[in-house]
Amino acid sequence: MKRLRVVLDTNVLVSALLFPGVTSRLVSQWQSGSFALLASREMIAECLRVLAYPKFGLSKTEIRSLLDDWILPYVTAVKVPGGFKQICRDPGDDMFLACATAGRADVIITGDKDLLVLRKHGRCRITTVVEMLKLLGE
């Protein structure tokens, strides 16, 4: 079976890293190679910005550790060309669609209604964490 190429939206990625529960089960999946985790430079920058929110109480060292130990070793970097047209009703979500297109992703995992309403983007399925875990046989 072909290894799925997957884009996680920022909220899913942050939830997986910081909070126990269903979403955190994705971490062991990407670390074990059950799927290829795709991310663009813009997505990593967004993740760092969100992890720095005061509500999470993370120090710069803790944020750097999350990035260096839990994300970057497992990410397939995707170079997204400029000029991606707005597709999503929330333009802030277009970075995930652009990454999925440039990285030939099979799945975008999100809880964001603005993305979920699309259901597909090209050949890429847009789905929830629970549906993805089912796909992975969990």
Protein backbone atom coordinates (compact mmCIF):
# COMPACT_ATOMS: atom_id res chain seq x y z
CA MET A 1 0.00 0.00 0.00
CA LYS A 2 1.26 3.45 -0.95
CA ARG A 3 2.17 5.70 1.97
CA LEU A 4 -0.29 8.58 2.19
CA ARG A 5 1.00 12.12 1.78
CA VAL A 6 -0.74 14.27 4.41
CA VAL A 7 -1.10 17.96 5.23
CA LEU A 8 -2.21 18.87 8.77
CA ASP A 9 -3.75 22.25 9.38
CA THR A 10 -2.16 24.30 12.17
CA ASN A 11 -4.86 23.59 14.77
CA VAL A 12 -4.60 19.84 14.22
CA LEU A 13 -0.80 19.92 14.41
CA VAL A 14 -0.75 22.03 17.59
CA SER A 15 -3.48 19.94 19.23
CA ALA A 16 -1.64 16.74 18.37
CA LEU A 17 1.55 18.05 19.98
CA LEU A 18 0.13 19.71 23.08
CA PHE A 19 -3.00 17.87 24.18
CA PRO A 20 -3.72 14.23 24.99
CA GLY A 21 -6.65 12.71 23.17
CA VAL A 22 -7.69 11.51 19.76
CA THR A 23 -5.67 14.09 17.82
CA SER A 24 -2.46 13.24 19.70
CA ARG A 25 -2.63 9.74 18.19
CA LEU A 26 -1.49 11.32 14.92
CA VAL A 27 1.97 12.00 16.38
CA SER A 28 2.92 8.32 16.63
CA GLN A 29 1.47 7.79 13.16
CA TRP A 30 3.70 10.39 11.50
CA GLN A 31 6.71 9.41 13.60
CA SER A 32 6.35 5.73 12.68
CA GLY A 33 6.04 6.62 9.00
CA SER A 34 2.40 5.58 8.65
CA PHE A 35 2.05 8.68 6.51
CA ALA A 36 4.33 11.33 5.06
CA LEU A 37 3.80 14.65 6.82
CA LEU A 38 3.99 17.53 4.33
CA ALA A 39 4.58 21.16 5.27
CA SER A 40 5.56 24.39 3.57
CA ARG A 41 7.72 27.16 5.01
CA GLU A 42 4.56 29.25 5.48
CA MET A 43 2.87 26.46 7.45
CA ILE A 44 5.89 26.02 9.76
CA ALA A 45 5.98 29.78 10.39
CA GLU A 46 2.26 29.71 11.23
CA CYS A 47 2.80 26.79 13.60
CA LEU A 48 5.59 28.66 15.41
CA ARG A 49 3.40 31.75 15.69
CA VAL A 50 0.53 29.75 17.19
CA LEU A 51 2.77 27.81 19.60
CA ALA A 52 3.97 31.18 20.94
CA TYR A 53 0.45 32.20 22.02
CA PRO A 54 0.53 33.07 25.74
CA LYS A 55 -2.36 30.67 26.45
CA PHE A 56 -0.02 27.71 25.80
CA GLY A 57 2.62 28.99 28.23
CA LEU A 58 5.52 27.60 26.20
CA SER A 59 9.00 29.06 26.42
CA LYS A 60 11.05 29.74 23.27
CA THR A 61 13.16 26.70 24.20
CA GLU A 62 10.09 24.46 24.49
CA ILE A 63 8.76 25.71 21.15
CA ARG A 64 12.14 25.10 19.49
CA SER A 65 12.23 21.60 21.00
CA LEU A 66 8.76 20.79 19.66
CA LEU A 67 9.85 21.95 16.23
CA ASP A 68 13.26 20.25 16.26
CA ASP A 69 12.26 16.97 17.93
CA TRP A 70 8.62 16.37 17.02
CA ILE A 71 8.02 18.06 13.67
CA LEU A 72 11.03 18.77 11.46
CA PRO A 73 12.63 15.30 11.55
CA TYR A 74 9.40 13.87 10.12
CA VAL A 75 8.37 16.56 7.64
CA THR A 76 8.69 16.39 3.90
CA ALA A 77 9.33 20.00 2.97
CA VAL A 78 7.16 21.33 0.15
CA LYS A 79 8.15 24.34 -1.91
CA VAL A 80 4.98 26.21 -2.80
CA PRO A 81 5.21 28.39 -5.91
CA GLY A 82 3.85 31.92 -5.70
CA GLY A 83 0.63 33.03 -7.32
CA PHE A 84 -1.71 30.49 -5.74
CA LYS A 85 -5.20 31.84 -6.25
CA GLN A 86 -7.69 32.10 -3.41
CA ILE A 87 -9.90 29.04 -3.25
CA CYS A 88 -11.05 28.79 0.36
CA ARG A 89 -13.63 31.16 1.80
CA ASP A 90 -11.01 31.88 4.51
CA PRO A 91 -7.90 33.05 2.61
CA GLY A 92 -5.75 32.06 5.61
CA ASP A 93 -6.50 28.42 4.83
CA ASP A 94 -5.26 28.58 1.25
CA MET A 95 -1.71 27.79 2.41
CA PHE A 96 -2.85 24.24 3.23
CA LEU A 97 -4.43 23.83 -0.20
CA ALA A 98 -1.30 25.24 -1.88
CA CYS A 99 0.93 22.84 0.07
CA ALA A 100 -1.36 19.92 -0.77
CA THR A 101 -1.24 20.80 -4.47
CA ALA A 102 2.53 21.37 -4.63
CA GLY A 103 3.25 18.30 -2.49
CA ARG A 104 0.80 16.01 -4.28
CA ALA A 105 -0.96 15.29 -0.97
CA ASP A 106 -3.59 12.60 -0.67
CA VAL A 107 -5.25 14.06 2.42
CA ILE A 108 -5.63 17.33 4.33
CA ILE A 109 -6.60 16.76 7.96
CA THR A 110 -8.55 19.58 9.55
CA GLY A 111 -11.37 20.50 11.86
CA ASP A 112 -11.84 23.82 10.05
CA LYS A 113 -15.30 24.14 8.50
CA ASP A 114 -13.94 26.45 5.77
CA LEU A 115 -11.74 23.59 4.55
CA LEU A 116 -14.07 20.69 5.35
CA VAL A 117 -16.86 22.20 3.26
CA LEU A 118 -14.64 21.72 0.17
CA ARG A 119 -14.40 17.94 0.82
CA LYS A 120 -11.78 17.60 -1.93
CA HIS A 121 -9.13 19.72 -3.55
CA GLY A 122 -8.08 18.24 -6.85
CA ARG A 123 -7.25 14.64 -6.02
CA CYS A 124 -6.73 15.46 -2.34
CA ARG A 125 -9.38 14.45 0.17
CA ILE A 126 -10.14 16.91 3.02
CA THR A 127 -11.14 15.10 6.18
CA THR A 128 -11.20 15.09 9.98
CA VAL A 129 -8.79 13.52 12.46
CA VAL A 130 -11.27 10.75 13.30
CA GLU A 131 -11.76 9.86 9.63
CA MET A 132 -7.99 9.84 9.08
CA LEU A 133 -7.42 7.52 12.01
CA LYS A 134 -10.02 5.16 10.53
CA LEU A 135 -8.17 5.32 7.22
CA LEU A 136 -4.98 4.36 9.06
CA GLY A 137 -6.76 1.41 10.67
CA GLU A 138 -6.96 2.82 14.18
